[in-house]
Amino acid sequence: MRVKFFATYRKLTGLEEANVPAPATVWELVTGFADKYGEPVAKRMLNEKRDDFGPDLIILINGRNVMHMQGKDTPLSEDDLVVIFPVVAGG
């Protein structure tokens, strides 16, 4: 499975893109990255209780926002493209 990181998440992980084995759900993917890359990533990807996504995390699976799918229970497969980026604002 391909995972692309943008903006803050690219800086925190040091990765532009990664090929990883597909976990069962997007939640397992996110918590796996939080564990692997430590507290700075965990603080951004997870909420304070660590039971849901952080408020500025956007995840697309094959171009679809997981919040319009099954949220953190969205299943993943080996041929998915996952894009992870923060909410941004600007003018």
PDB file of N, CA and C in Angstrom:
ATOM      1  N   MET A   1       0.849  -1.159   0.000  1.00  0.00           N
ATOM      2  CA  MET A   1       0.000   0.000   0.000  1.00  0.00           C
ATOM      3  C   MET A   1       0.901   1.231   0.000  1.00  0.00           C
ATOM      4  N   ARG A   2       0.539   2.225  -0.790  1.00  0.00           N
ATOM      5  CA  ARG A   2       1.294   3.484  -0.822  1.00  0.00           C
ATOM      6  C   ARG A   2       0.656   4.496   0.116  1.00  0.00           C
ATOM      7  N   VAL A   3       1.502   5.194   0.874  1.00  0.00           N
ATOM      8  CA  VAL A   3       1.055   6.256   1.762  1.00  0.00           C
ATOM      9  C   VAL A   3       1.863   7.495   1.422  1.00  0.00           C
ATOM     10  N   LYS A   4       1.171   8.606   1.150  1.00  0.00           N
ATOM     11  CA  LYS A   4       1.833   9.870   0.857  1.00  0.00           C
ATOM     12  C   LYS A   4       1.558  10.844   2.002  1.00  0.00           C
ATOM     13  N   PHE A   5       2.604  11.540   2.423  1.00  0.00           N
ATOM     14  CA  PHE A   5       2.506  12.515   3.503  1.00  0.00           C
ATOM     15  C   PHE A   5       2.688  13.919   2.933  1.00  0.00           C
ATOM     16  N   PHE A   6       1.940  14.877   3.477  1.00  0.00           N
ATOM     17  CA  PHE A   6       2.053  16.260   3.037  1.00  0.00           C
ATOM     18  C   PHE A   6       2.202  17.194   4.221  1.00  0.00           C
ATOM     19  N   ALA A   7       2.809  18.331   3.959  1.00  0.00           N
ATOM     20  CA  ALA A   7       2.952  19.433   4.916  1.00  0.00           C
ATOM     21  C   ALA A   7       3.545  18.972   6.245  1.00  0.00           C
ATOM     22  N   THR A   8       2.862  19.238   7.340  1.00  0.00           N
ATOM     23  CA  THR A   8       3.355  18.923   8.682  1.00  0.00           C
ATOM     24  C   THR A   8       3.707  17.447   8.833  1.00  0.00           C
ATOM     25  N   TYR A   9       2.891  16.580   8.298  1.00  0.00           N
ATOM     26  CA  TYR A   9       3.128  15.144   8.445  1.00  0.00           C
ATOM     27  C   TYR A   9       4.378  14.698   7.686  1.00  0.00           C
ATOM     28  N   ARG A  10       4.683  15.359   6.596  1.00  0.00           N
ATOM     29  CA  ARG A  10       5.919  15.064   5.867  1.00  0.00           C
ATOM     30  C   ARG A  10       7.125  15.454   6.716  1.00  0.00           C
ATOM     31  N   LYS A  11       7.035  16.617   7.357  1.00  0.00           N
ATOM     32  CA  LYS A  11       8.135  17.068   8.217  1.00  0.00           C
ATOM     33  C   LYS A  11       8.302  16.163   9.429  1.00  0.00           C
ATOM     34  N   LEU A  12       7.197  15.788  10.060  1.00  0.00           N
ATOM     35  CA  LEU A  12       7.273  14.973  11.278  1.00  0.00           C
ATOM     36  C   LEU A  12       7.776  13.557  11.037  1.00  0.00           C
ATOM     37  N   THR A  13       7.403  12.956   9.917  1.00  0.00           N
ATOM     38  CA  THR A  13       7.840  11.589   9.630  1.00  0.00           C
ATOM     39  C   THR A  13       9.155  11.552   8.863  1.00  0.00           C
ATOM     40  N   GLY A  14       9.483  12.655   8.208  1.00  0.00           N
ATOM     41  CA  GLY A  14      10.669  12.675   7.359  1.00  0.00           C
ATOM     42  C   GLY A  14      10.458  11.936   6.051  1.00  0.00           C
ATOM     43  N   LEU A  15       9.208  11.645   5.725  1.00  0.00           N
ATOM     44  CA  LEU A  15       8.881  10.869   4.527  1.00  0.00           C
ATOM     45  C   LEU A  15       7.959  11.643   3.602  1.00  0.00           C
ATOM     46  N   GLU A  16       8.222  11.514   2.327  1.00  0.00           N
ATOM     47  CA  GLU A  16       7.294  12.021   1.328  1.00  0.00           C
ATOM     48  C   GLU A  16       6.289  10.928   0.976  1.00  0.00           C
ATOM     49  N   GLU A  17       6.804   9.708   0.924  1.00  0.00           N
ATOM     50  CA  GLU A  17       5.969   8.567   0.559  1.00  0.00           C
ATOM     51  C   GLU A  17       6.545   7.308   1.198  1.00  0.00           C
ATOM     52  N   ALA A  18       5.667   6.362   1.510  1.00  0.00           N
ATOM     53  CA  ALA A  18       6.102   5.087   2.081  1.00  0.00           C
ATOM     54  C   ALA A  18       5.260   3.964   1.489  1.00  0.00           C
ATOM     55  N   ASN A  19       5.881   2.836   1.304  1.00  0.00           N
ATOM     56  CA  ASN A  19       5.166   1.614   0.937  1.00  0.00           C
ATOM     57  C   ASN A  19       5.119   0.749   2.187  1.00  0.00           C
ATOM     58  N   VAL A  20       3.919   0.436   2.639  1.00  0.00           N
ATOM     59  CA  VAL A  20       3.744  -0.324   3.877  1.00  0.00           C
ATOM     60  C   VAL A  20       2.739  -1.448   3.645  1.00  0.00           C
ATOM     61  N   PRO A  21       2.847  -2.524   4.423  1.00  0.00           N
ATOM     62  CA  PRO A  21       1.808  -3.563   4.356  1.00  0.00           C
ATOM     63  C   PRO A  21       0.485  -2.970   4.834  1.00  0.00           C
ATOM     64  N   ALA A  22      -0.594  -3.318   4.175  1.00  0.00           N
ATOM     65  CA  ALA A  22      -1.901  -2.768   4.534  1.00  0.00           C
ATOM     66  C   ALA A  22      -2.427  -3.397   5.813  1.00  0.00           C
ATOM     67  N   PRO A  23      -2.657  -2.573   6.851  1.00  0.00           N
ATOM     68  CA  PRO A  23      -3.353  -3.097   8.028  1.00  0.00           C
ATOM     69  C   PRO A  23      -4.839  -3.242   7.699  1.00  0.00           C
ATOM     70  N   ALA A  24      -5.603  -3.802   8.620  1.00  0.00           N
ATOM     71  CA  ALA A  24      -7.028  -4.038   8.369  1.00  0.00           C
ATOM     72  C   ALA A  24      -7.819  -2.742   8.199  1.00  0.00           C
ATOM     73  N   THR A  25      -7.492  -1.718   9.003  1.00  0.00           N
ATOM     74  CA  THR A  25      -8.273  -0.469   8.974  1.00  0.00           C
ATOM     75  C   THR A  25      -7.359   0.756   8.971  1.00  0.00           C
ATOM     76  N   VAL A  26      -7.941   1.879   8.621  1.00  0.00           N
ATOM     77  CA  VAL A  26      -7.195   3.133   8.634  1.00  0.00           C
ATOM     78  C   VAL A  26      -6.780   3.506  10.071  1.00  0.00           C
ATOM     79  N   TRP A  27      -7.582   3.123  11.063  1.00  0.00           N
ATOM     80  CA  TRP A  27      -7.220   3.390  12.459  1.00  0.00           C
ATOM     81  C   TRP A  27      -5.928   2.664  12.834  1.00  0.00           C
ATOM     82  N   GLU A  28      -5.797   1.410  12.410  1.00  0.00           N
ATOM     83  CA  GLU A  28      -4.572   0.659  12.673  1.00  0.00           C
ATOM     84  C   GLU A  28      -3.375   1.304  11.982  1.00  0.00           C
ATOM     85  N   LEU A  29      -3.580   1.843  10.791  1.00  0.00           N
ATOM     86  CA  LEU A  29      -2.508   2.537  10.077  1.00  0.00           C
ATOM     87  C   LEU A  29      -2.057   3.769  10.862  1.00  0.00           C
ATOM     88  N   VAL A  30      -3.015   4.587  11.274  1.00  0.00           N
ATOM     89  CA  VAL A  30      -2.699   5.833  11.983  1.00  0.00           C
ATOM     90  C   VAL A  30      -2.032   5.556  13.325  1.00  0.00           C
ATOM     91  N   THR A  31      -2.565   4.638  14.100  1.00  0.00           N
ATOM     92  CA  THR A  31      -1.950   4.348  15.400  1.00  0.00           C
ATOM     93  C   THR A  31      -0.573   3.705  15.219  1.00  0.00           C
ATOM     94  N   GLY A  32      -0.398   2.961  14.152  1.00  0.00           N
ATOM     95  CA  GLY A  32       0.914   2.394  13.849  1.00  0.00           C
ATOM     96  C   GLY A  32       1.938   3.478  13.556  1.00  0.00           C
ATOM     97  N   PHE A  33       1.533   4.489  12.771  1.00  0.00           N
ATOM     98  CA  PHE A  33       2.439   5.609  12.502  1.00  0.00           C
ATOM     99  C   PHE A  33       2.719   6.398  13.780  1.00  0.00           C
ATOM    100  N   ALA A  34       1.700   6.589  14.611  1.00  0.00           N
ATOM    101  CA  ALA A  34       1.894   7.310  15.876  1.00  0.00           C
ATOM    102  C   ALA A  34       2.895   6.574  16.762  1.00  0.00           C
ATOM    103  N   ASP A  35       2.795   5.253  16.814  1.00  0.00           N
ATOM    104  CA  ASP A  35       3.747   4.454  17.596  1.00  0.00           C
ATOM    105  C   ASP A  35       5.147   4.515  16.996  1.00  0.00           C
ATOM    106  N   LYS A  36       5.236   4.376  15.696  1.00  0.00           N
ATOM    107  CA  LYS A  36       6.532   4.309  15.027  1.00  0.00           C
ATOM    108  C   LYS A  36       7.294   5.634  15.065  1.00  0.00           C
ATOM    109  N   TYR A  37       6.587   6.746  14.866  1.00  0.00           N
ATOM    110  CA  TYR A  37       7.254   8.038  14.749  1.00  0.00           C
ATOM    111  C   TYR A  37       7.195   8.878  16.020  1.00  0.00           C
ATOM    112  N   GLY A  38       6.578   8.365  17.070  1.00  0.00           N
ATOM    113  CA  GLY A  38       6.673   8.988  18.375  1.00  0.00           C
ATOM    114  C   GLY A  38       5.666  10.085  18.677  1.00  0.00           C
ATOM    115  N   GLU A  39       5.901  10.713  19.801  1.00  0.00           N
ATOM    116  CA  GLU A  39       4.972  11.675  20.376  1.00  0.00           C
ATOM    117  C   GLU A  39       4.604  12.849  19.461  1.00  0.00           C
ATOM    118  N   PRO A  40       5.552  13.459  18.731  1.00  0.00           N
ATOM    119  CA  PRO A  40       5.148  14.566  17.850  1.00  0.00           C
ATOM    120  C   PRO A  40       4.088  14.158  16.825  1.00  0.00           C
ATOM    121  N   VAL A  41       4.228  12.964  16.271  1.00  0.00           N
ATOM    122  CA  VAL A  41       3.243  12.475  15.301  1.00  0.00           C
ATOM    123  C   VAL A  41       1.952  12.088  16.017  1.00  0.00           C
ATOM    124  N   ALA A  42       2.067  11.413  17.157  1.00  0.00           N
ATOM    125  CA  ALA A  42       0.878  11.010  17.919  1.00  0.00           C
ATOM    126  C   ALA A  42       0.039  12.225  18.315  1.00  0.00           C
ATOM    127  N   LYS A  43       0.677  13.305  18.733  1.00  0.00           N
ATOM    128  CA  LYS A  43      -0.058  14.512  19.138  1.00  0.00           C
ATOM    129  C   LYS A  43      -0.846  15.116  17.995  1.00  0.00           C
ATOM    130  N   ARG A  44      -0.356  14.969  16.766  1.00  0.00           N
ATOM    131  CA  ARG A  44      -1.053  15.541  15.613  1.00  0.00           C
ATOM    132  C   ARG A  44      -2.083  14.580  15.020  1.00  0.00           C
ATOM    133  N   MET A  45      -1.766  13.301  14.992  1.00  0.00           N
ATOM    134  CA  MET A  45      -2.657  12.343  14.339  1.00  0.00           C
ATOM    135  C   MET A  45      -3.800  11.878  15.220  1.00  0.00           C
ATOM    136  N   LEU A  46      -3.608  11.926  16.550  1.00  0.00           N
ATOM    137  CA  LEU A  46      -4.618  11.421  17.479  1.00  0.00           C
ATOM    138  C   LEU A  46      -5.168  12.540  18.350  1.00  0.00           C
ATOM    139  N   ASN A  47      -6.408  12.373  18.816  1.00  0.00           N
ATOM    140  CA  ASN A  47      -6.965  13.354  19.737  1.00  0.00           C
ATOM    141  C   ASN A  47      -6.344  13.181  21.123  1.00  0.00           C
ATOM    142  N   GLU A  48      -6.721  14.031  22.057  1.00  0.00           N
ATOM    143  CA  GLU A  48      -6.117  13.994  23.399  1.00  0.00           C
ATOM    144  C   GLU A  48      -6.353  12.664  24.113  1.00  0.00           C
ATOM    145  N   LYS A  49      -7.516  12.075  23.926  1.00  0.00           N
ATOM    146  CA  LYS A  49      -7.825  10.787  24.565  1.00  0.00           C
ATOM    147  C   LYS A  49      -7.192   9.609  23.828  1.00  0.00           C
ATOM    148  N   ARG A  50      -6.666   9.888  22.634  1.00  0.00           N
ATOM    149  CA  ARG A  50      -6.052   8.863  21.793  1.00  0.00           C
ATOM    150  C   ARG A  50      -7.037   7.766  21.388  1.00  0.00           C
ATOM    151  N   ASP A  51      -8.312   8.186  21.236  1.00  0.00           N
ATOM    152  CA  ASP A  51      -9.317   7.219  20.808  1.00  0.00           C
ATOM    153  C   ASP A  51      -9.978   7.606  19.485  1.00  0.00           C
ATOM    154  N   ASP A  52      -9.447   8.653  18.847  1.00  0.00           N
ATOM    155  CA  ASP A  52      -9.969   9.090  17.564  1.00  0.00           C
ATOM    156  C   ASP A  52      -8.896   9.914  16.861  1.00  0.00           C
ATOM    157  N   PHE A  53      -9.184  10.302  15.626  1.00  0.00           N
ATOM    158  CA  PHE A  53      -8.242  11.127  14.876  1.00  0.00           C
ATOM    159  C   PHE A  53      -8.110  12.508  15.507  1.00  0.00           C
ATOM    160  N   GLY A  54      -6.943  13.117  15.314  1.00  0.00           N
ATOM    161  CA  GLY A  54      -6.735  14.490  15.746  1.00  0.00           C
ATOM    162  C   GLY A  54      -7.598  15.432  14.913  1.00  0.00           C
ATOM    163  N   PRO A  55      -7.866  16.636  15.432  1.00  0.00           N
ATOM    164  CA  PRO A  55      -8.786  17.554  14.760  1.00  0.00           C
ATOM    165  C   PRO A  55      -8.280  18.120  13.434  1.00  0.00           C
ATOM    166  N   ASP A  56      -6.980  18.058  13.187  1.00  0.00           N
ATOM    167  CA  ASP A  56      -6.480  18.624  11.923  1.00  0.00           C
ATOM    168  C   ASP A  56      -5.964  17.562  10.952  1.00  0.00           C
ATOM    169  N   LEU A  57      -6.377  16.313  11.147  1.00  0.00           N
ATOM    170  CA  LEU A  57      -5.922  15.219  10.289  1.00  0.00           C
ATOM    171  C   LEU A  57      -6.952  14.937   9.200  1.00  0.00           C
ATOM    172  N   ILE A  58      -6.480  14.923   7.963  1.00  0.00           N
ATOM    173  CA  ILE A  58      -7.321  14.538   6.826  1.00  0.00           C
ATOM    174  C   ILE A  58      -6.663  13.329   6.179  1.00  0.00           C
ATOM    175  N   ILE A  59      -7.459  12.299   5.947  1.00  0.00           N
ATOM    176  CA  ILE A  59      -6.958  11.085   5.303  1.00  0.00           C
ATOM    177  C   ILE A  59      -7.855  10.759   4.120  1.00  0.00           C
ATOM    178  N   LEU A  60      -7.221  10.617   2.973  1.00  0.00           N
ATOM    179  CA  LEU A  60      -7.933  10.195   1.774  1.00  0.00           C
ATOM    180  C   LEU A  60      -7.485   8.793   1.407  1.00  0.00           C
ATOM    181  N   ILE A  61      -8.440   7.957   1.064  1.00  0.00           N
ATOM    182  CA  ILE A  61      -8.165   6.620   0.559  1.00  0.00           C
ATOM    183  C   ILE A  61      -8.642   6.599  -0.886  1.00  0.00           C
ATOM    184  N   ASN A  62      -7.704   6.477  -1.801  1.00  0.00           N
ATOM    185  CA  ASN A  62      -8.031   6.492  -3.235  1.00  0.00           C
ATOM    186  C   ASN A  62      -8.882   7.707  -3.598  1.00  0.00           C
ATOM    187  N   GLY A  63      -8.532   8.850  -3.007  1.00  0.00           N
ATOM    188  CA  GLY A  63      -9.201  10.113  -3.317  1.00  0.00           C
ATOM    189  C   GLY A  63     -10.466  10.399  -2.528  1.00  0.00           C
ATOM    190  N   ARG A  64     -10.872   9.505  -1.644  1.00  0.00           N
ATOM    191  CA  ARG A  64     -12.091   9.706  -0.855  1.00  0.00           C
ATOM    192  C   ARG A  64     -11.734   9.930   0.607  1.00  0.00           C
ATOM    193  N   ASN A  65     -12.330  10.947   1.212  1.00  0.00           N
ATOM    194  CA  ASN A  65     -12.093  11.237   2.617  1.00  0.00           C
ATOM    195  C   ASN A  65     -12.695  10.130   3.471  1.00  0.00           C
ATOM    196  N   VAL A  66     -11.895   9.593   4.401  1.00  0.00           N
ATOM    197  CA  VAL A  66     -12.391   8.489   5.238  1.00  0.00           C
ATOM    198  C   VAL A  66     -13.588   8.901   6.078  1.00  0.00           C
ATOM    199  N   MET A  67     -13.741  10.195   6.342  1.00  0.00           N
ATOM    200  CA  MET A  67     -14.890  10.654   7.125  1.00  0.00           C
ATOM    201  C   MET A  67     -16.197  10.493   6.348  1.00  0.00           C
ATOM    202  N   HIS A  68     -16.096  10.306   5.030  1.00  0.00           N
ATOM    203  CA  HIS A  68     -17.280  10.052   4.196  1.00  0.00           C
ATOM    204  C   HIS A  68     -17.382   8.574   3.846  1.00  0.00           C
ATOM    205  N   MET A  69     -16.544   7.785   4.487  1.00  0.00           N
ATOM    206  CA  MET A  69     -16.568   6.337   4.285  1.00  0.00           C
ATOM    207  C   MET A  69     -16.981   5.718   5.625  1.00  0.00           C
ATOM    208  N   GLN A  70     -16.105   4.938   6.230  1.00  0.00           N
ATOM    209  CA  GLN A  70     -16.412   4.316   7.522  1.00  0.00           C
ATOM    210  C   GLN A  70     -15.544   4.889   8.639  1.00  0.00           C
ATOM    211  N   GLY A  71     -15.063   6.117   8.443  1.00  0.00           N
ATOM    212  CA  GLY A  71     -14.246   6.760   9.466  1.00  0.00           C
ATOM    213  C   GLY A  71     -13.023   5.936   9.800  1.00  0.00           C
ATOM    214  N   LYS A  72     -12.720   5.827  11.080  1.00  0.00           N
ATOM    215  CA  LYS A  72     -11.514   5.097  11.478  1.00  0.00           C
ATOM    216  C   LYS A  72     -11.620   3.598  11.237  1.00  0.00           C
ATOM    217  N   ASP A  73     -12.820   3.101  10.959  1.00  0.00           N
ATOM    218  CA  ASP A  73     -13.014   1.679  10.657  1.00  0.00           C
ATOM    219  C   ASP A  73     -12.954   1.376   9.158  1.00  0.00           C
ATOM    220  N   THR A  74     -12.583   2.367   8.355  1.00  0.00           N
ATOM    221  CA  THR A  74     -12.483   2.155   6.916  1.00  0.00           C
ATOM    222  C   THR A  74     -11.444   1.076   6.622  1.00  0.00           C
ATOM    223  N   PRO A  75     -11.841   0.028   5.911  1.00  0.00           N
ATOM    224  CA  PRO A  75     -10.886  -1.050   5.600  1.00  0.00           C
ATOM    225  C   PRO A  75      -9.862  -0.609   4.555  1.00  0.00           C
ATOM    226  N   LEU A  76      -8.690  -1.224   4.624  1.00  0.00           N
ATOM    227  CA  LEU A  76      -7.614  -0.943   3.685  1.00  0.00           C
ATOM    228  C   LEU A  76      -7.233  -2.205   2.936  1.00  0.00           C
ATOM    229  N   SER A  77      -6.666  -2.008   1.731  1.00  0.00           N
ATOM    230  CA  SER A  77      -6.152  -3.146   0.965  1.00  0.00           C
ATOM    231  C   SER A  77      -4.806  -2.769   0.362  1.00  0.00           C
ATOM    232  N   GLU A  78      -4.085  -3.770  -0.083  1.00  0.00           N
ATOM    233  CA  GLU A  78      -2.721  -3.572  -0.585  1.00  0.00           C
ATOM    234  C   GLU A  78      -2.635  -2.616  -1.767  1.00  0.00           C
ATOM    235  N   ASP A  79      -3.690  -2.475  -2.557  1.00  0.00           N
ATOM    236  CA  ASP A  79      -3.621  -1.611  -3.733  1.00  0.00           C
ATOM    237  C   ASP A  79      -4.124  -0.187  -3.474  1.00  0.00           C
ATOM    238  N   ASP A  80      -4.378   0.165  -2.213  1.00  0.00           N
ATOM    239  CA  ASP A  80      -4.859   1.506  -1.867  1.00  0.00           C
ATOM    240  C   ASP A  80      -3.739   2.543  -1.916  1.00  0.00           C
ATOM    241  N   LEU A  81      -4.136   3.766  -2.239  1.00  0.00           N
ATOM    242  CA  LEU A  81      -3.279   4.937  -2.087  1.00  0.00           C
ATOM    243  C   LEU A  81      -3.868   5.760  -0.951  1.00  0.00           C
ATOM    244  N   VAL A  82      -3.081   5.943   0.109  1.00  0.00           N
ATOM    245  CA  VAL A  82      -3.513   6.705   1.270  1.00  0.00           C
ATOM    246  C   VAL A  82      -2.760   8.028   1.270  1.00  0.00           C
ATOM    247  N   VAL A  83      -3.491   9.121   1.422  1.00  0.00           N
ATOM    248  CA  VAL A  83      -2.891  10.449   1.472  1.00  0.00           C
ATOM    249  C   VAL A  83      -3.218  11.050   2.831  1.00  0.00           C
ATOM    250  N   ILE A  84      -2.174  11.519   3.522  1.00  0.00           N
ATOM    251  CA  ILE A  84      -2.323  12.076   4.866  1.00  0.00           C
ATOM    252  C   ILE A  84      -1.837  13.511   4.866  1.00  0.00           C
ATOM    253  N   PHE A  85      -2.719  14.443   5.277  1.00  0.00           N
ATOM    254  CA  PHE A  85      -2.313  15.847   5.351  1.00  0.00           C
ATOM    255  C   PHE A  85      -3.137  16.578   6.402  1.00  0.00           C
ATOM    256  N   PRO A  86      -2.643  17.734   6.847  1.00  0.00           N
ATOM    257  CA  PRO A  86      -3.371  18.501   7.857  1.00  0.00           C
ATOM    258  C   PRO A  86      -4.394  19.433   7.216  1.00  0.00           C
ATOM    259  N   VAL A  87      -5.342  19.877   8.031  1.00  0.00           N
ATOM    260  CA  VAL A  87      -6.255  20.928   7.607  1.00  0.00           C
ATOM    261  C   VAL A  87      -5.407  22.193   7.460  1.00  0.00           C
ATOM    262  N   VAL A  88      -5.600  22.908   6.372  1.00  0.00           N
ATOM    263  CA  VAL A  88      -4.866  24.148   6.171  1.00  0.00           C
ATOM    264  C   VAL A  88      -5.848  25.256   5.843  1.00  0.00           C
ATOM    265  N   ALA A  89      -5.444  26.450   6.166  1.00  0.00           N
ATOM    266  CA  ALA A  89      -6.272  27.623   5.838  1.00  0.00           C
ATOM    267  C   ALA A  89      -5.360  28.668   5.218  1.00  0.00           C
ATOM    268  N   GLY A  90      -5.942  29.520   4.491  1.00  0.00           N
ATOM    269  CA  GLY A  90      -5.141  30.567   3.858  1.00  0.00           C
ATOM    270  C   GLY A  90      -6.007  31.433   2.981  1.00  0.00           C
ATOM    271  N   GLY A  91      -5.384  32.364   2.390  1.00  0.00           N
ATOM    272  CA  GLY A  91      -6.149  33.267   1.546  1.00  0.00           C
ATOM    273  C   GLY A  91      -5.388  33.680   0.339  1.00  0.00           C
TER     274      GLY A  91
END
